[in-house]
Amino acid sequence: MAEIHGKATIDPWLFFTGKAAGFMVWFAGVYVMVMAGHLRQASGWGYDLAAMVALVAGGVLVLASSFTLGSSLRVGLPREETRLRTSGIYRWSRNPMYLGVHLITLAVMLFTLKWWTVLPGLFSFYVYHLIVKGEEAFLGERFGEAYSAYRSQTRRYL
């Protein structure tokens, strides 16, 4: 069985705190939705609709990219040899899983409209972008011209 934890693309402390911030936002969203609706900022149906669209789209992207990656799914860079994935959802985005994670985080931020979800959510966006940049450098080194061609044909996020 392949290991699911790889090497961090950026400083490990930043890597894990950024991921933790994003997951904290998700847990806060679930908590507010299930247990503490009174902590939510009243914002109107427009924000609720935008949050629902972001949540569903994000969930679909995370699931689709997980299925495409299959056993290659890692937290961090793989230590063993892998192949470049350019099919499935990866035909349209080089980072559909990260885009999905961003959309889910954005959904919670829109749903709660509280500083304690917005600030860690923005920090998470920033750290995930740094992770993506680190992964791009790794993929360029590992796959050379094949990755350059893929990169020129496929956008980073959308």
N, C-alpha and C. Protein backbone atom coordinates (compact mmCIF):
# COMPACT_ATOMS: atom_id res chain seq x y z
N MET A 1 0.84 -1.18 0.00
CA MET A 1 0.00 0.00 0.00
C MET A 1 0.89 1.25 0.00
N ALA A 2 0.56 2.19 -0.85
CA ALA A 2 1.34 3.42 -0.96
C ALA A 2 1.06 4.32 0.24
N GLU A 3 2.09 5.04 0.66
CA GLU A 3 1.88 5.95 1.77
C GLU A 3 1.12 7.18 1.27
N ILE A 4 0.32 7.78 2.14
CA ILE A 4 -0.48 8.93 1.73
C ILE A 4 0.14 10.25 2.16
N HIS A 5 1.21 10.20 2.92
CA HIS A 5 1.87 11.42 3.37
C HIS A 5 3.18 11.57 2.63
N GLY A 6 3.35 12.70 1.98
CA GLY A 6 4.58 12.97 1.25
C GLY A 6 5.34 14.11 1.88
N LYS A 7 6.27 14.66 1.12
CA LYS A 7 7.11 15.75 1.58
C LYS A 7 6.36 17.08 1.38
N ALA A 8 6.41 17.96 2.37
CA ALA A 8 5.77 19.28 2.26
C ALA A 8 6.47 20.10 1.18
N THR A 9 5.69 20.85 0.41
CA THR A 9 6.25 21.67 -0.67
C THR A 9 6.82 22.99 -0.18
N ILE A 10 6.41 23.40 0.99
CA ILE A 10 6.89 24.65 1.60
C ILE A 10 7.29 24.34 3.03
N ASP A 11 7.69 25.34 3.77
CA ASP A 11 8.06 25.14 5.17
C ASP A 11 6.98 24.30 5.86
N PRO A 12 7.35 23.20 6.50
CA PRO A 12 6.35 22.31 7.11
C PRO A 12 5.42 23.01 8.11
N TRP A 13 5.94 23.94 8.89
CA TRP A 13 5.09 24.64 9.84
C TRP A 13 4.01 25.42 9.11
N LEU A 14 4.37 26.14 8.06
CA LEU A 14 3.41 26.90 7.27
C LEU A 14 2.44 25.95 6.55
N PHE A 15 2.99 24.88 6.01
CA PHE A 15 2.18 23.88 5.30
C PHE A 15 1.06 23.36 6.20
N PHE A 16 1.41 22.91 7.39
CA PHE A 16 0.41 22.30 8.27
C PHE A 16 -0.50 23.33 8.93
N THR A 17 0.00 24.52 9.26
CA THR A 17 -0.89 25.54 9.84
C THR A 17 -1.88 26.05 8.81
N GLY A 18 -1.45 26.17 7.56
CA GLY A 18 -2.38 26.60 6.50
C GLY A 18 -3.48 25.59 6.27
N LYS A 19 -3.10 24.31 6.24
CA LYS A 19 -4.12 23.26 6.08
C LYS A 19 -5.03 23.21 7.30
N ALA A 20 -4.45 23.34 8.49
CA ALA A 20 -5.25 23.33 9.72
C ALA A 20 -6.23 24.50 9.74
N ALA A 21 -5.79 25.67 9.29
CA ALA A 21 -6.68 26.83 9.25
C ALA A 21 -7.89 26.56 8.36
N GLY A 22 -7.64 25.97 7.20
CA GLY A 22 -8.74 25.65 6.29
C GLY A 22 -9.71 24.66 6.90
N PHE A 23 -9.18 23.60 7.52
CA PHE A 23 -10.06 22.61 8.13
C PHE A 23 -10.80 23.19 9.34
N MET A 24 -10.16 24.10 10.06
CA MET A 24 -10.83 24.76 11.18
C MET A 24 -12.04 25.54 10.68
N VAL A 25 -11.88 26.21 9.53
CA VAL A 25 -13.00 26.94 8.93
C VAL A 25 -14.12 25.97 8.60
N TRP A 26 -13.79 24.83 8.02
CA TRP A 26 -14.82 23.84 7.67
C TRP A 26 -15.55 23.36 8.91
N PHE A 27 -14.81 23.03 9.96
CA PHE A 27 -15.45 22.56 11.20
C PHE A 27 -16.30 23.65 11.83
N ALA A 28 -15.84 24.90 11.76
CA ALA A 28 -16.63 26.01 12.28
C ALA A 28 -17.93 26.14 11.51
N GLY A 29 -17.87 25.96 10.20
CA GLY A 29 -19.09 26.02 9.38
C GLY A 29 -20.09 24.95 9.75
N VAL A 30 -19.61 23.73 9.95
CA VAL A 30 -20.49 22.64 10.35
C VAL A 30 -21.08 22.93 11.73
N TYR A 31 -20.24 23.41 12.63
CA TYR A 31 -20.71 23.73 13.98
C TYR A 31 -21.81 24.80 13.95
N VAL A 32 -21.58 25.85 13.19
CA VAL A 32 -22.58 26.93 13.10
C VAL A 32 -23.87 26.39 12.47
N MET A 33 -23.73 25.58 11.43
CA MET A 33 -24.91 25.08 10.74
C MET A 33 -25.72 24.12 11.62
N VAL A 34 -25.04 23.27 12.37
CA VAL A 34 -25.73 22.22 13.12
C VAL A 34 -26.09 22.65 14.54
N MET A 35 -25.18 23.32 15.21
CA MET A 35 -25.34 23.56 16.64
C MET A 35 -25.55 25.02 17.04
N ALA A 36 -25.00 25.95 16.29
CA ALA A 36 -24.94 27.32 16.79
C ALA A 36 -25.33 28.34 15.72
N GLY A 37 -26.51 28.17 15.16
CA GLY A 37 -26.99 29.09 14.14
C GLY A 37 -27.00 30.54 14.59
N HIS A 38 -27.11 30.76 15.89
CA HIS A 38 -27.12 32.12 16.42
C HIS A 38 -25.77 32.84 16.23
N LEU A 39 -24.70 32.09 15.94
CA LEU A 39 -23.39 32.70 15.71
C LEU A 39 -23.23 33.22 14.28
N ARG A 40 -24.21 32.94 13.46
CA ARG A 40 -24.15 33.30 12.05
C ARG A 40 -24.60 34.75 11.86
N GLN A 41 -23.92 35.45 10.98
CA GLN A 41 -24.31 36.82 10.62
C GLN A 41 -25.48 36.74 9.64
N ALA A 42 -26.57 37.40 9.94
CA ALA A 42 -27.70 37.44 9.02
C ALA A 42 -27.26 38.19 7.77
N SER A 43 -27.40 37.55 6.60
CA SER A 43 -26.84 38.17 5.40
C SER A 43 -27.78 38.17 4.21
N GLY A 44 -28.86 37.47 4.28
CA GLY A 44 -29.79 37.44 3.16
C GLY A 44 -29.59 36.23 2.27
N TRP A 45 -30.59 35.99 1.44
CA TRP A 45 -30.61 34.78 0.62
C TRP A 45 -29.51 34.76 -0.43
N GLY A 46 -29.04 35.93 -0.88
CA GLY A 46 -27.99 35.97 -1.91
C GLY A 46 -26.70 35.32 -1.43
N TYR A 47 -26.30 35.63 -0.21
CA TYR A 47 -25.10 35.01 0.37
C TYR A 47 -25.30 33.52 0.58
N ASP A 48 -26.51 33.16 1.03
CA ASP A 48 -26.80 31.74 1.25
C ASP A 48 -26.74 30.96 -0.07
N LEU A 49 -27.29 31.54 -1.13
CA LEU A 49 -27.26 30.89 -2.44
C LEU A 49 -25.82 30.76 -2.94
N ALA A 50 -25.04 31.84 -2.82
CA ALA A 50 -23.63 31.80 -3.25
C ALA A 50 -22.86 30.75 -2.45
N ALA A 51 -23.13 30.68 -1.15
CA ALA A 51 -22.46 29.69 -0.30
C ALA A 51 -22.83 28.28 -0.72
N MET A 52 -24.09 28.04 -1.02
CA MET A 52 -24.53 26.71 -1.42
C MET A 52 -23.92 26.30 -2.76
N VAL A 53 -23.88 27.23 -3.71
CA VAL A 53 -23.28 26.94 -5.02
C VAL A 53 -21.79 26.62 -4.84
N ALA A 54 -21.09 27.43 -4.04
CA ALA A 54 -19.65 27.19 -3.80
C ALA A 54 -19.43 25.85 -3.11
N LEU A 55 -20.28 25.52 -2.15
CA LEU A 55 -20.15 24.26 -1.42
C LEU A 55 -20.34 23.05 -2.34
N VAL A 56 -21.38 23.07 -3.14
CA VAL A 56 -21.66 21.95 -4.04
C VAL A 56 -20.57 21.83 -5.10
N ALA A 57 -20.20 22.96 -5.71
CA ALA A 57 -19.15 22.93 -6.73
C ALA A 57 -17.83 22.45 -6.14
N GLY A 58 -17.49 22.94 -4.95
CA GLY A 58 -16.27 22.51 -4.29
C GLY A 58 -16.27 21.03 -3.98
N GLY A 59 -17.38 20.54 -3.46
CA GLY A 59 -17.47 19.12 -3.16
C GLY A 59 -17.34 18.25 -4.40
N VAL A 60 -17.96 18.66 -5.50
CA VAL A 60 -17.86 17.91 -6.75
C VAL A 60 -16.41 17.90 -7.24
N LEU A 61 -15.74 19.04 -7.18
CA LEU A 61 -14.34 19.10 -7.62
C LEU A 61 -13.42 18.23 -6.76
N VAL A 62 -13.60 18.27 -5.45
CA VAL A 62 -12.77 17.45 -4.56
C VAL A 62 -13.00 15.96 -4.85
N LEU A 63 -14.25 15.56 -5.00
CA LEU A 63 -14.54 14.15 -5.28
C LEU A 63 -14.02 13.72 -6.64
N ALA A 64 -14.26 14.54 -7.66
CA ALA A 64 -13.80 14.18 -9.02
C ALA A 64 -12.29 14.09 -9.08
N SER A 65 -11.59 15.01 -8.45
CA SER A 65 -10.13 14.96 -8.49
C SER A 65 -9.61 13.80 -7.65
N SER A 66 -10.27 13.47 -6.56
CA SER A 66 -9.86 12.31 -5.75
C SER A 66 -9.98 11.02 -6.54
N PHE A 67 -11.08 10.87 -7.29
CA PHE A 67 -11.25 9.67 -8.10
C PHE A 67 -10.21 9.60 -9.21
N THR A 68 -9.90 10.74 -9.83
CA THR A 68 -8.90 10.76 -10.90
C THR A 68 -7.52 10.41 -10.37
N LEU A 69 -7.17 10.94 -9.20
CA LEU A 69 -5.86 10.64 -8.62
C LEU A 69 -5.76 9.22 -8.11
N GLY A 70 -6.85 8.69 -7.59
CA GLY A 70 -6.85 7.32 -7.08
C GLY A 70 -5.79 7.09 -6.03
N SER A 71 -4.96 6.08 -6.24
CA SER A 71 -3.94 5.75 -5.25
C SER A 71 -2.77 6.73 -5.25
N SER A 72 -2.76 7.69 -6.18
CA SER A 72 -1.69 8.70 -6.21
C SER A 72 -1.98 9.87 -5.27
N LEU A 73 -3.13 9.88 -4.63
CA LEU A 73 -3.50 10.97 -3.73
C LEU A 73 -2.54 11.03 -2.55
N ARG A 74 -1.97 12.21 -2.30
CA ARG A 74 -0.99 12.41 -1.22
C ARG A 74 -1.26 13.73 -0.51
N VAL A 75 -0.80 13.81 0.72
CA VAL A 75 -0.69 15.08 1.43
C VAL A 75 0.78 15.45 1.30
N GLY A 76 1.09 16.34 0.39
CA GLY A 76 2.48 16.69 0.10
C GLY A 76 2.94 16.00 -1.17
N LEU A 77 4.24 16.09 -1.41
CA LEU A 77 4.83 15.54 -2.63
C LEU A 77 5.09 14.05 -2.47
N PRO A 78 4.88 13.28 -3.54
CA PRO A 78 5.14 11.84 -3.45
C PRO A 78 6.64 11.56 -3.34
N ARG A 79 6.97 10.58 -2.57
CA ARG A 79 8.37 10.17 -2.44
C ARG A 79 8.73 9.14 -3.51
N GLU A 80 7.74 8.36 -3.96
CA GLU A 80 7.97 7.33 -4.96
C GLU A 80 7.65 7.88 -6.35
N GLU A 81 7.97 7.10 -7.36
CA GLU A 81 7.67 7.49 -8.74
C GLU A 81 6.16 7.49 -8.95
N THR A 82 5.69 8.50 -9.67
CA THR A 82 4.28 8.61 -10.01
C THR A 82 4.19 9.00 -11.48
N ARG A 83 2.97 9.07 -11.97
CA ARG A 83 2.80 9.54 -13.35
C ARG A 83 2.02 10.84 -13.33
N LEU A 84 2.23 11.64 -14.34
CA LEU A 84 1.54 12.93 -14.47
C LEU A 84 0.10 12.68 -14.85
N ARG A 85 -0.82 13.21 -14.06
CA ARG A 85 -2.26 13.04 -14.33
C ARG A 85 -2.75 14.24 -15.13
N THR A 86 -3.26 13.97 -16.34
CA THR A 86 -3.77 15.04 -17.19
C THR A 86 -5.15 14.72 -17.75
N SER A 87 -5.74 13.64 -17.29
CA SER A 87 -7.05 13.23 -17.80
C SER A 87 -8.14 13.55 -16.77
N GLY A 88 -9.36 13.23 -17.13
CA GLY A 88 -10.48 13.50 -16.22
C GLY A 88 -10.60 14.99 -15.95
N ILE A 89 -10.86 15.32 -14.73
CA ILE A 89 -11.03 16.71 -14.32
C ILE A 89 -9.75 17.52 -14.53
N TYR A 90 -8.61 16.83 -14.58
CA TYR A 90 -7.32 17.50 -14.76
C TYR A 90 -7.12 17.99 -16.19
N ARG A 91 -8.04 17.72 -17.09
CA ARG A 91 -7.99 18.31 -18.43
C ARG A 91 -8.34 19.78 -18.39
N TRP A 92 -9.13 20.20 -17.40
CA TRP A 92 -9.63 21.57 -17.35
C TRP A 92 -8.92 22.42 -16.30
N SER A 93 -8.34 21.79 -15.32
CA SER A 93 -7.66 22.52 -14.24
C SER A 93 -6.47 21.70 -13.77
N ARG A 94 -5.32 22.35 -13.56
CA ARG A 94 -4.16 21.63 -13.04
C ARG A 94 -4.33 21.35 -11.54
N ASN A 95 -5.23 22.07 -10.89
CA ASN A 95 -5.39 21.94 -9.44
C ASN A 95 -6.87 21.91 -9.03
N PRO A 96 -7.65 20.98 -9.57
CA PRO A 96 -9.07 20.98 -9.24
C PRO A 96 -9.35 20.67 -7.78
N MET A 97 -8.50 19.87 -7.14
CA MET A 97 -8.74 19.57 -5.73
C MET A 97 -8.55 20.83 -4.88
N TYR A 98 -7.49 21.57 -5.14
CA TYR A 98 -7.27 22.80 -4.39
C TYR A 98 -8.37 23.82 -4.68
N LEU A 99 -8.83 23.89 -5.93
CA LEU A 99 -9.94 24.78 -6.26
C LEU A 99 -11.18 24.37 -5.48
N GLY A 100 -11.44 23.07 -5.38
CA GLY A 100 -12.57 22.58 -4.60
C GLY A 100 -12.44 22.93 -3.13
N VAL A 101 -11.25 22.76 -2.59
CA VAL A 101 -11.00 23.11 -1.18
C VAL A 101 -11.25 24.60 -0.96
N HIS A 102 -10.77 25.42 -1.90
CA HIS A 102 -11.00 26.87 -1.79
C HIS A 102 -12.49 27.20 -1.82
N LEU A 103 -13.23 26.54 -2.71
CA LEU A 103 -14.67 26.82 -2.81
C LEU A 103 -15.42 26.42 -1.55
N ILE A 104 -15.04 25.30 -0.94
CA ILE A 104 -15.69 24.87 0.30
C ILE A 104 -15.38 25.88 1.41
N THR A 105 -14.14 26.32 1.48
CA THR A 105 -13.76 27.32 2.48
C THR A 105 -14.52 28.63 2.23
N LEU A 106 -14.59 29.05 0.98
CA LEU A 106 -15.34 30.26 0.63
C LEU A 106 -16.81 30.11 1.01
N ALA A 107 -17.38 28.94 0.83
CA ALA A 107 -18.79 28.70 1.18
C ALA A 107 -19.02 28.98 2.67
N VAL A 108 -18.12 28.49 3.51
CA VAL A 108 -18.27 28.72 4.96
C VAL A 108 -18.10 30.21 5.27
N MET A 109 -17.14 30.84 4.62
CA MET A 109 -16.92 32.27 4.87
C MET A 109 -18.17 33.07 4.50
N LEU A 110 -18.79 32.73 3.37
CA LEU A 110 -20.01 33.43 2.95
C LEU A 110 -21.20 33.09 3.86
N PHE A 111 -21.25 31.87 4.32
CA PHE A 111 -22.36 31.43 5.17
C PHE A 111 -22.33 32.10 6.54
N THR A 112 -21.14 32.22 7.12
CA THR A 112 -21.05 32.78 8.47
C THR A 112 -20.82 34.29 8.49
N LEU A 113 -20.03 34.77 7.55
CA LEU A 113 -19.62 36.18 7.49
C LEU A 113 -19.08 36.67 8.84
N LYS A 114 -18.22 35.86 9.44
CA LYS A 114 -17.60 36.20 10.71
C LYS A 114 -16.10 36.25 10.54
N TRP A 115 -15.46 37.14 11.27
CA TRP A 115 -14.01 37.30 11.15
C TRP A 115 -13.27 36.01 11.48
N TRP A 116 -13.83 35.20 12.38
CA TRP A 116 -13.16 33.98 12.81
C TRP A 116 -13.27 32.86 11.79
N THR A 117 -13.98 33.08 10.70
CA THR A 117 -13.89 32.16 9.56
C THR A 117 -13.20 32.84 8.38
N VAL A 118 -13.39 34.14 8.23
CA VAL A 118 -12.80 34.85 7.09
C VAL A 118 -11.28 34.94 7.20
N LEU A 119 -10.75 35.33 8.35
CA LEU A 119 -9.29 35.47 8.49
C LEU A 119 -8.54 34.15 8.31
N PRO A 120 -8.92 33.08 9.02
CA PRO A 120 -8.21 31.83 8.76
C PRO A 120 -8.47 31.29 7.35
N GLY A 121 -9.64 31.59 6.79
CA GLY A 121 -9.92 31.17 5.42
C GLY A 121 -8.99 31.86 4.43
N LEU A 122 -8.78 33.15 4.59
CA LEU A 122 -7.86 33.88 3.71
C LEU A 122 -6.42 33.38 3.89
N PHE A 123 -6.03 33.09 5.13
CA PHE A 123 -4.71 32.53 5.39
C PHE A 123 -4.57 31.18 4.67
N SER A 124 -5.60 30.37 4.74
CA SER A 124 -5.59 29.07 4.08
C SER A 124 -5.45 29.24 2.56
N PHE A 125 -6.19 30.18 1.97
CA PHE A 125 -6.06 30.45 0.52
C PHE A 125 -4.61 30.76 0.17
N TYR A 126 -4.00 31.64 0.95
CA TYR A 126 -2.62 32.06 0.69
C TYR A 126 -1.66 30.87 0.78
N VAL A 127 -1.78 30.09 1.84
CA VAL A 127 -0.87 28.96 2.02
C VAL A 127 -1.08 27.91 0.93
N TYR A 128 -2.31 27.61 0.58
CA TYR A 128 -2.55 26.64 -0.48
C TYR A 128 -1.97 27.12 -1.80
N HIS A 129 -2.02 28.42 -2.06
CA HIS A 129 -1.41 28.95 -3.29
C HIS A 129 0.10 28.73 -3.27
N LEU A 130 0.74 28.94 -2.12
CA LEU A 130 2.17 28.67 -2.00
C LEU A 130 2.46 27.18 -2.22
N ILE A 131 1.59 26.32 -1.70
CA ILE A 131 1.75 24.88 -1.90
C ILE A 131 1.67 24.55 -3.39
N VAL A 132 0.69 25.14 -4.08
CA VAL A 132 0.54 24.90 -5.52
C VAL A 132 1.80 25.33 -6.26
N LYS A 133 2.34 26.49 -5.92
CA LYS A 133 3.56 26.96 -6.59
C LYS A 133 4.71 25.98 -6.35
N GLY A 134 4.82 25.45 -5.13
CA GLY A 134 5.84 24.46 -4.83
C GLY A 134 5.63 23.16 -5.61
N GLU A 135 4.38 22.74 -5.73
CA GLU A 135 4.10 21.53 -6.50
C GLU A 135 4.41 21.72 -7.97
N GLU A 136 4.13 22.91 -8.49
CA GLU A 136 4.44 23.19 -9.89
C GLU A 136 5.94 23.07 -10.15
N ALA A 137 6.76 23.59 -9.24
CA ALA A 137 8.21 23.47 -9.40
C ALA A 137 8.62 22.00 -9.38
N PHE A 138 8.07 21.23 -8.46
CA PHE A 138 8.36 19.79 -8.36
C PHE A 138 7.96 19.07 -9.65
N LEU A 139 6.76 19.33 -10.14
CA LEU A 139 6.28 18.66 -11.35
C LEU A 139 7.12 19.04 -12.56
N GLY A 140 7.55 20.30 -12.62
CA GLY A 140 8.42 20.72 -13.71
C GLY A 140 9.73 19.96 -13.70
N GLU A 141 10.29 19.77 -12.52
CA GLU A 141 11.55 19.01 -12.41
C GLU A 141 11.35 17.53 -12.72
N ARG A 142 10.27 16.96 -12.20
CA ARG A 142 10.05 15.52 -12.36
C ARG A 142 9.63 15.14 -13.78
N PHE A 143 8.75 15.93 -14.40
CA PHE A 143 8.18 15.54 -15.68
C PHE A 143 8.64 16.38 -16.86
N GLY A 144 9.45 17.40 -16.62
CA GLY A 144 10.08 18.18 -17.69
C GLY A 144 9.14 18.69 -18.75
N GLU A 145 9.43 18.32 -19.99
CA GLU A 145 8.69 18.83 -21.15
C GLU A 145 7.21 18.41 -21.12
N ALA A 146 6.93 17.22 -20.62
CA ALA A 146 5.53 16.78 -20.55
C ALA A 146 4.72 17.72 -19.66
N TYR A 147 5.30 18.13 -18.52
CA TYR A 147 4.59 19.06 -17.64
C TYR A 147 4.52 20.45 -18.27
N SER A 148 5.57 20.88 -18.93
CA SER A 148 5.55 22.20 -19.59
C SER A 148 4.44 22.27 -20.63
N ALA A 149 4.29 21.20 -21.40
CA ALA A 149 3.23 21.16 -22.41
C ALA A 149 1.85 21.19 -21.74
N TYR A 150 1.69 20.40 -20.71
CA TYR A 150 0.42 20.37 -19.97
C TYR A 150 0.12 21.74 -19.36
N ARG A 151 1.14 22.34 -18.78
CA ARG A 151 0.99 23.65 -18.14
C ARG A 151 0.58 24.72 -19.16
N SER A 152 1.10 24.63 -20.37
CA SER A 152 0.77 25.63 -21.38
C SER A 152 -0.65 25.46 -21.91
N GLN A 153 -1.23 24.27 -21.75
CA GLN A 153 -2.58 24.00 -22.28
C GLN A 153 -3.68 24.06 -21.21
N THR A 154 -3.31 24.01 -19.93
CA THR A 154 -4.29 23.88 -18.86
C THR A 154 -4.06 24.96 -17.81
N ARG A 155 -5.10 25.63 -17.42
CA ARG A 155 -4.97 26.71 -16.45
C ARG A 155 -4.70 26.17 -15.05
N ARG A 156 -4.10 27.02 -14.21
CA ARG A 156 -3.75 26.62 -12.85
C ARG A 156 -4.99 26.25 -12.04
N TYR A 157 -5.99 27.09 -12.06
CA TYR A 157 -7.21 26.82 -11.26
C TYR A 157 -8.41 26.64 -12.17
N LEU A 158 -8.76 27.65 -12.93
CA LEU A 158 -9.91 27.56 -13.85
C LEU A 158 -9.54 27.99 -15.24
